[in-house]
Amino acid sequence: MSEFEIAVGSADDVQRMAQWAGDEGWNPGKTDAYAFFAAVPGGFLMAGLDARPVTCISVVKYGQGFGFLGFYIARPPVRGKGYGIKNWQAGMARLAGRNVGLDGVVAQQANYRKSGFRNAWNNIRYEGAAFEAKTPADVNLFDARSISFDQLAAYDRRFFPEARDSFLASWISLTERASMVAMRDGKIVGFAVIRACQAASRVGPLFADSADIAAALVSELAIVTRATAVAIDIPDINKPAVALAEKAGLKPSFETARMYTAANPDIDYAGLYGVTSLELG
């Protein structure tokens, strides 16, 4: 009989997960896996069949009560044979007792609902040519790495259910990306990161106190990195964010559903113009 084994993934395994995500057409960032592994080294499960990797999942714990599930992939040769669900069950067991979130592709959403998840909103990936936007007169833009990390982490916490300092520190400082904050009167009123991907450069997070600030951040980040095309995963519950994308000429190219096992977290949805990632939330 074939031997199936689930184990905590190595740093190389997380790189493999990112490659598999690319094969699925999810357009991961070129250096995302480094931030993922640094955030929670034990949060990734890789399953092998006769010592050959075949399925993966990420199950990342944040704080005491939240978890995020992603990278749920079974390689094409083993799909429909029950190996993926075994890895899913092992992952969910590690997140027992927490409100668990995920961004589910359309094909899997019915299965997620059967596992106790419910739809909160849809993330629509808007994609297209980089655009220009003016920065509001009373706002200044700065490299996020030049700002007090405590201040940056506090602003990020407005838009995410728990603190994620280790992840955030890596996310803003890796290669092949740029991060920027918008400041008004000494306070952060916007934060965004752009990173190089297999296709269009993805912007995430995109947090802002207003649509014009969000647009200015995307515009300036594209200029700094010389990105010719951008993609933003926008929650469809944020109507100003959708309007911003449409006005900029970006078009829907991909869709997921944000789903939770319990109530929607208490965060600033009005300022959530783009989610950080589909793998770690």
Protein backbone atom coordinates (compact mmCIF):
# COMPACT_ATOMS: atom_id res chain seq x y z
CA MET A 1 0.00 0.00 0.00
CA SER A 2 1.09 3.59 -0.63
CA GLU A 3 2.34 5.48 2.42
CA PHE A 4 0.70 8.86 3.07
CA GLU A 5 2.30 11.15 5.64
CA ILE A 6 1.52 14.68 6.87
CA ALA A 7 4.30 16.76 8.39
CA VAL A 8 5.04 20.36 9.31
CA GLY A 9 6.58 21.97 6.24
CA SER A 10 10.14 23.21 5.92
CA ALA A 11 11.20 26.54 4.46
CA ASP A 12 11.72 24.74 1.16
CA ASP A 13 8.21 23.31 1.40
CA VAL A 14 6.73 26.79 1.76
CA GLN A 15 8.60 27.79 -1.39
CA ARG A 16 7.08 24.74 -3.09
CA MET A 17 3.61 25.79 -1.93
CA ALA A 18 4.12 29.17 -3.56
CA GLN A 19 5.17 27.46 -6.79
CA TRP A 20 2.05 25.31 -6.69
CA ALA A 21 -0.06 28.43 -6.12
CA GLY A 22 1.52 29.88 -9.25
CA ASP A 23 0.58 26.74 -11.15
CA GLU A 24 -3.03 27.32 -10.04
CA GLY A 25 -2.96 30.80 -11.58
CA TRP A 26 -3.10 32.65 -8.25
CA ASN A 27 -0.17 34.92 -9.15
CA PRO A 28 1.75 34.80 -5.83
CA GLY A 29 4.43 37.35 -5.01
CA LYS A 30 7.95 36.30 -5.94
CA THR A 31 9.21 36.65 -2.36
CA ASP A 32 5.96 36.12 -0.40
CA ALA A 33 6.99 32.70 0.90
CA TYR A 34 9.87 34.22 2.89
CA ALA A 35 7.45 36.42 4.85
CA PHE A 36 5.01 33.54 5.30
CA PHE A 37 7.60 31.21 6.80
CA ALA A 38 9.09 33.93 9.00
CA ALA A 39 5.65 34.74 10.42
CA VAL A 40 4.80 31.24 11.65
CA PRO A 41 7.44 28.59 10.85
CA GLY A 42 5.17 25.77 12.09
CA GLY A 43 2.03 26.93 10.31
CA PHE A 44 2.39 24.95 7.10
CA LEU A 45 1.55 21.30 6.47
CA MET A 46 2.93 19.34 3.55
CA ALA A 47 1.63 15.86 2.85
CA GLY A 48 3.55 13.26 0.88
CA LEU A 49 2.60 10.06 -0.87
CA ASP A 50 5.49 7.62 -0.94
CA ALA A 51 7.75 10.56 0.04
CA ARG A 52 6.53 12.65 -2.92
CA PRO A 53 4.83 15.96 -1.94
CA VAL A 54 1.21 15.93 -3.13
CA THR A 55 -0.94 18.23 -0.95
CA CYS A 56 -0.39 21.31 1.21
CA ILE A 57 -2.21 23.72 3.49
CA SER A 58 -1.31 26.69 5.70
CA VAL A 59 -2.90 27.01 9.13
CA VAL A 60 -1.60 30.16 10.78
CA LYS A 61 -2.51 31.16 14.33
CA TYR A 62 -2.89 34.83 15.25
CA GLY A 63 -3.23 35.84 18.90
CA GLN A 64 -5.40 33.66 21.07
CA GLY A 65 -8.59 33.47 19.04
CA PHE A 66 -8.03 33.83 15.29
CA GLY A 67 -6.58 31.61 12.59
CA PHE A 68 -6.26 31.76 8.83
CA LEU A 69 -6.25 28.86 6.41
CA GLY A 70 -4.74 29.02 2.94
CA PHE A 71 -2.60 27.24 0.37
CA TYR A 72 -5.15 24.41 0.25
CA ILE A 73 -3.85 22.58 -2.80
CA ALA A 74 -3.87 18.99 -3.99
CA ARG A 75 -1.73 18.34 -7.02
CA PRO A 76 -3.72 17.25 -10.10
CA PRO A 77 -2.63 13.55 -10.08
CA VAL A 78 -4.11 12.96 -6.59
CA ARG A 79 -7.25 15.08 -6.76
CA GLY A 80 -10.45 13.27 -5.86
CA LYS A 81 -8.57 10.53 -4.00
CA GLY A 82 -9.07 11.83 -0.46
CA TYR A 83 -5.53 12.98 0.27
CA GLY A 84 -6.37 16.68 0.24
CA ILE A 85 -9.19 16.32 2.74
CA LYS A 86 -6.91 14.41 5.12
CA ASN A 87 -4.50 17.33 5.10
CA TRP A 88 -7.45 19.73 5.53
CA GLN A 89 -8.65 17.82 8.61
CA ALA A 90 -5.15 17.88 10.12
CA GLY A 91 -4.93 21.60 9.51
CA MET A 92 -8.33 22.40 10.98
CA ALA A 93 -7.47 20.37 14.07
CA ARG A 94 -4.52 22.70 14.66
CA LEU A 95 -6.90 25.69 14.60
CA ALA A 96 -9.55 24.15 16.87
CA GLY A 97 -11.35 26.66 19.09
CA ARG A 98 -10.50 29.68 16.92
CA ASN A 99 -12.50 31.76 14.50
CA VAL A 100 -10.93 30.63 11.23
CA GLY A 101 -10.86 32.71 8.06
CA LEU A 102 -10.02 31.78 4.49
CA ASP A 103 -10.26 33.13 0.96
CA GLY A 104 -11.92 30.38 -1.03
CA VAL A 105 -11.84 29.98 -4.79
CA VAL A 106 -15.23 29.61 -6.45
CA ALA A 107 -14.87 25.87 -7.10
CA GLN A 108 -14.34 25.06 -3.41
CA GLN A 109 -16.82 27.37 -1.69
CA ALA A 110 -19.59 24.77 -1.38
CA ASN A 111 -17.16 22.36 0.27
CA TYR A 112 -16.03 25.07 2.70
CA ARG A 113 -19.63 25.74 3.70
CA LYS A 114 -20.06 22.03 4.45
CA SER A 115 -17.06 22.35 6.78
CA GLY A 116 -18.71 25.14 8.77
CA PHE A 117 -17.53 28.25 6.95
CA ARG A 118 -19.91 31.00 5.89
CA ASN A 119 -19.52 33.79 3.36
CA ALA A 120 -18.61 37.24 4.68
CA TRP A 121 -17.90 39.01 1.36
CA ASN A 122 -16.24 38.43 -2.00
CA ASN A 123 -12.73 39.58 -2.89
CA ILE A 124 -12.61 40.70 -6.50
CA ARG A 125 -9.16 40.98 -8.03
CA TYR A 126 -9.10 44.14 -10.14
CA GLU A 127 -6.22 44.21 -12.57
CA GLY A 128 -4.89 46.46 -15.30
CA ALA A 129 -2.39 49.10 -16.32
CA ALA A 130 -0.80 51.15 -13.56
CA PHE A 131 -2.49 54.53 -13.17
CA GLU A 132 -1.59 57.97 -11.91
CA ALA A 133 -3.36 59.75 -9.06
CA LYS A 134 -2.60 62.96 -7.18
CA THR A 135 -1.71 62.88 -3.51
CA PRO A 136 -4.07 65.04 -1.40
CA ALA A 137 -2.47 68.40 -0.55
CA ASP A 138 -2.49 67.78 3.21
CA VAL A 139 -0.97 64.27 2.93
CA ASN A 140 2.66 63.19 2.59
CA LEU A 141 3.89 59.76 1.48
CA PHE A 142 6.86 57.99 3.11
CA ASP A 143 8.63 54.66 2.84
CA ALA A 144 6.94 52.46 5.47
CA ARG A 145 10.33 51.22 6.63
CA SER A 146 11.20 54.74 7.81
CA ILE A 147 8.23 54.95 10.19
CA SER A 148 8.21 53.81 13.81
CA PHE A 149 7.24 50.14 13.65
CA ASP A 150 4.98 50.49 16.69
CA GLN A 151 3.02 53.18 14.87
CA LEU A 152 2.79 51.09 11.71
CA ALA A 153 1.73 47.95 13.59
CA ALA A 154 -0.97 49.89 15.45
CA TYR A 155 -2.40 51.16 12.17
CA ASP A 156 -2.31 47.67 10.64
CA ARG A 157 -4.18 46.34 13.67
CA ARG A 158 -7.21 48.48 12.74
CA PHE A 159 -7.74 46.28 9.70
CA PHE A 160 -6.74 42.81 10.92
CA PRO A 161 -8.29 40.74 13.74
CA GLU A 162 -5.05 40.23 15.70
CA ALA A 163 -1.54 41.66 15.88
CA ARG A 164 0.82 40.15 13.26
CA ASP A 165 4.08 41.94 13.94
CA SER A 166 6.50 39.22 12.76
CA PHE A 167 4.70 38.88 9.46
CA LEU A 168 4.39 42.64 9.00
CA ALA A 169 8.10 43.22 9.63
CA SER A 170 9.01 40.78 6.88
CA TRP A 171 6.25 41.90 4.52
CA ILE A 172 7.49 45.49 4.30
CA SER A 173 11.20 44.74 4.06
CA LEU A 174 11.70 41.89 1.60
CA THR A 175 13.22 42.36 -1.84
CA GLU A 176 11.21 42.90 -5.02
CA ARG A 177 8.63 45.05 -3.25
CA ALA A 178 8.03 48.51 -1.83
CA SER A 179 5.94 49.72 1.09
CA MET A 180 4.54 53.16 1.76
CA VAL A 181 2.49 55.06 4.32
CA ALA A 182 0.43 58.21 3.96
CA MET A 183 0.77 60.71 6.81
CA ARG A 184 -1.38 63.65 7.83
CA ASP A 185 -0.45 65.78 10.84
CA GLY A 186 1.94 63.12 12.10
CA LYS A 187 -0.61 60.30 11.92
CA ILE A 188 -0.81 57.39 9.49
CA VAL A 189 -3.86 57.64 7.23
CA GLY A 190 -2.88 55.00 4.69
CA PHE A 191 -0.59 52.00 4.24
CA ALA A 192 0.17 49.85 1.20
CA VAL A 193 2.69 47.33 -0.12
CA ILE A 194 3.34 46.40 -3.75
CA ARG A 195 5.27 43.29 -4.68
CA ALA A 196 6.52 41.79 -7.91
CA CYS A 197 4.59 38.71 -8.99
CA GLN A 198 4.58 36.25 -11.86
CA ALA A 199 2.16 38.54 -13.69
CA ALA A 200 0.77 41.93 -12.58
CA SER A 201 2.35 43.44 -9.45
CA ARG A 202 -0.04 42.91 -6.55
CA VAL A 203 -0.92 45.61 -4.04
CA GLY A 204 -1.75 44.35 -0.57
CA PRO A 205 -2.45 45.47 1.98
CA LEU A 206 -4.16 48.61 0.79
CA PHE A 207 -5.51 50.42 3.85
CA ALA A 208 -6.59 54.04 3.73
CA ASP A 209 -8.80 56.62 5.40
CA SER A 210 -10.21 57.67 2.01
CA ALA A 211 -10.32 56.61 -1.63
CA ASP A 212 -8.06 59.44 -2.81
CA ILE A 213 -5.38 58.37 -0.34
CA ALA A 214 -5.67 54.77 -1.49
CA ALA A 215 -5.34 55.83 -5.13
CA ALA A 216 -2.30 57.98 -4.36
CA LEU A 217 -0.56 55.08 -2.61
CA VAL A 218 -1.12 52.70 -5.52
CA SER A 219 0.01 55.31 -8.02
CA GLU A 220 3.22 56.18 -6.17
CA LEU A 221 4.13 52.56 -5.45
CA ALA A 222 3.78 51.70 -9.13
CA ILE A 223 6.07 54.60 -10.02
CA VAL A 224 8.68 53.63 -7.42
CA THR A 225 8.80 50.01 -8.58
CA ARG A 226 8.24 50.79 -12.27
CA ALA A 227 5.27 48.46 -12.30
CA THR A 228 3.35 48.59 -15.57
CA ALA A 229 0.38 46.54 -14.36
CA VAL A 230 -1.21 46.24 -10.92
CA ALA A 231 -3.68 43.89 -9.25
CA ILE A 232 -5.65 44.50 -6.04
CA ASP A 233 -7.88 42.02 -4.20
CA ILE A 234 -10.74 44.32 -3.23
CA PRO A 235 -13.55 43.40 -0.79
CA ASP A 236 -16.80 44.00 -2.64
CA ILE A 237 -18.39 45.31 0.56
CA ASN A 238 -16.21 48.41 0.23
CA LYS A 239 -18.07 50.27 -2.51
CA PRO A 240 -15.64 53.23 -2.67
CA ALA A 241 -12.80 50.76 -3.24
CA VAL A 242 -14.67 49.11 -6.11
CA ALA A 243 -15.46 52.53 -7.57
CA LEU A 244 -11.78 53.52 -7.32
CA ALA A 245 -10.72 50.43 -9.29
CA GLU A 246 -13.35 50.94 -11.96
CA LYS A 247 -12.50 54.63 -12.34
CA ALA A 248 -8.83 53.68 -12.75
CA GLY A 249 -9.74 51.30 -15.57
CA LEU A 250 -8.93 48.09 -13.69
CA LYS A 251 -10.97 45.03 -14.63
CA PRO A 252 -12.10 41.97 -12.60
CA SER A 253 -9.80 39.01 -13.27
CA PHE A 254 -10.20 36.62 -10.32
CA GLU A 255 -12.58 36.06 -7.42
CA THR A 256 -12.54 34.47 -3.98
CA ALA A 257 -14.91 34.48 -1.04
CA ARG A 258 -13.76 35.60 2.40
CA MET A 259 -15.30 33.08 4.76
CA TYR A 260 -15.25 32.61 8.53
CA THR A 261 -16.32 29.88 10.94
CA ALA A 262 -17.69 32.47 13.40
CA ALA A 263 -18.71 36.14 13.34
CA ASN A 264 -16.96 38.67 11.14
CA PRO A 265 -14.02 40.19 13.04
CA ASP A 266 -14.42 43.71 14.42
CA ILE A 267 -12.15 45.67 12.06
CA ASP A 268 -12.29 48.90 10.05
CA TYR A 269 -14.01 47.64 6.88
CA ALA A 270 -14.46 51.15 5.49
CA GLY A 271 -10.67 51.53 5.25
CA LEU A 272 -10.03 48.06 3.81
CA TYR A 273 -9.32 48.83 0.15
CA GLY A 274 -7.31 45.69 -0.55
CA VAL A 275 -6.57 42.53 1.45
CA THR A 276 -2.94 41.67 2.23
CA SER A 277 -2.79 38.16 0.84
CA LEU A 278 -5.10 35.24 0.06
CA GLU A 279 -2.82 32.82 1.91
CA LEU A 280 -2.34 34.42 5.35
CA GLY A 281 -5.16 36.96 5.38
